C-alpha cells in the first residue's frame, strides 16, 4: 500500500479556501498554492481558465458568480484574499 497523500496536509492551515461574496470584495487576489498535477483534468482546465499558468502564481479576478463557482471547484488548490484597491 502506498503512502497516504493526506499525511502532512492536515489542520487549519491546509483547509479549503473561503471565497468572499461580492458585497465584501469586488475583486479577489487568488494564489495557486498546490499543483494541479494528480488532480482531475477538469480541475486543471479550471485553473487554466482562471488564468493560472504557473504554480505559486497570484492573479486578480473580478468577483462574479461564475468566477466564484470556478474558485469553489478548485478551492483546495488555491488561497483567496480580497484584492488591494489601487
Protein backbone atom coordinates (compact mmCIF):
# COMPACT_ATOMS: atom_id res chain seq x y z
CA UNK A 1 0.00 0.00 0.00
CA UNK A 2 1.26 3.49 -0.89
CA UNK A 3 1.74 6.49 1.31
CA UNK A 4 -1.37 8.30 2.49
CA UNK A 5 -1.49 11.52 0.42
CA UNK A 6 -3.24 13.40 3.23
CA UNK A 7 -0.41 12.97 5.74
CA UNK A 8 1.35 16.30 6.18
CA UNK A 9 -1.60 18.33 4.86
CA UNK A 10 -3.85 18.30 7.90
CA UNK A 11 -5.00 21.04 10.24
CA UNK A 12 -6.40 24.55 9.85
CA UNK A 13 -3.53 25.76 7.66
CA UNK A 14 -4.47 23.28 4.95
CA UNK A 15 -8.24 23.65 4.77
CA UNK A 16 -10.02 24.74 1.63
CA UNK A 17 -10.12 28.42 0.72
CA UNK A 18 -13.09 30.52 1.75
CA UNK A 19 -14.43 32.70 -1.03
CA UNK A 20 -15.97 36.07 -0.02
CA UNK A 21 -19.17 37.16 -1.74
CA UNK A 22 -19.30 40.24 -3.97
CA UNK A 23 -20.56 42.54 -1.18
CA UNK A 24 -17.30 42.04 0.74
CA UNK A 25 -14.87 42.37 -2.18
CA UNK A 26 -15.33 43.48 -5.80
CA UNK A 27 -12.01 41.90 -6.86
CA UNK A 28 -10.16 38.90 -5.49
CA UNK A 29 -6.45 38.07 -5.35
CA UNK A 30 -6.11 34.33 -5.94
CA UNK A 31 -2.87 32.39 -5.40
CA UNK A 32 -2.36 28.81 -6.53
CA UNK A 33 -0.80 27.03 -3.55
CA UNK A 34 -0.99 23.43 -4.76
CA UNK A 35 -0.26 21.90 -8.13
CA UNK A 36 -2.93 20.62 -10.49
CA UNK A 37 -0.79 17.54 -11.22
CA UNK A 38 -2.51 14.42 -9.96
CA UNK A 39 -5.95 16.03 -9.98
CA UNK A 40 -8.78 15.61 -12.45
CA UNK A 41 -8.40 17.17 -15.89
CA UNK A 42 -11.46 19.34 -15.23
CA UNK A 43 -9.67 20.93 -12.26
CA UNK A 44 -6.56 21.57 -14.34
CA UNK A 45 -8.71 23.16 -17.06
CA UNK A 46 -10.46 25.29 -14.43
CA UNK A 47 -7.10 26.59 -13.17
CA UNK A 48 -6.14 27.39 -16.75
CA UNK A 49 -9.50 29.13 -17.40
CA UNK A 50 -8.97 31.29 -14.31
CA UNK A 51 -5.67 32.45 -15.81
CA UNK A 52 -3.11 30.40 -13.89
CA UNK A 53 -0.03 29.45 -15.87
CA UNK A 54 2.40 28.57 -13.09
CA UNK A 55 2.30 27.10 -9.61
CA UNK A 56 2.53 29.80 -6.85
CA UNK A 57 1.25 32.44 -9.29
CA UNK A 58 -1.08 35.16 -7.98
CA UNK A 59 -3.82 36.55 -10.21
CA UNK A 60 -6.56 39.12 -9.70
CA UNK A 61 -10.11 38.30 -10.81
CA UNK A 62 -13.48 40.04 -10.72
CA UNK A 63 -15.76 38.63 -8.02
CA UNK A 64 -18.73 37.33 -10.03
CA UNK A 65 -20.93 34.29 -9.56
CA UNK A 66 -19.28 32.36 -12.40
CA UNK A 67 -15.76 33.05 -11.10
CA UNK A 68 -16.81 32.09 -7.55
CA UNK A 69 -18.11 28.79 -8.96
CA UNK A 70 -14.76 28.11 -10.61
CA UNK A 71 -12.91 29.04 -7.42
CA UNK A 72 -15.18 26.73 -5.41
CA UNK A 73 -14.28 23.82 -7.68
CA UNK A 74 -10.54 24.21 -7.04
CA UNK A 75 -10.77 25.65 -3.51
CA UNK A 76 -8.33 23.05 -2.12
CA UNK A 77 -5.63 24.19 -4.60
CA UNK A 78 -5.88 27.96 -4.06
CA UNK A 79 -5.74 30.73 -1.49
CA UNK A 80 -8.22 33.65 -1.85
CA UNK A 81 -7.95 37.16 -0.37
CA UNK A 82 -9.68 40.44 -1.22
CA UNK A 83 -7.58 42.39 -3.74
CA UNK A 84 -5.91 45.63 -2.67
CA UNK A 85 -7.57 48.71 -4.12
CA UNK A 86 -5.10 50.81 -6.11
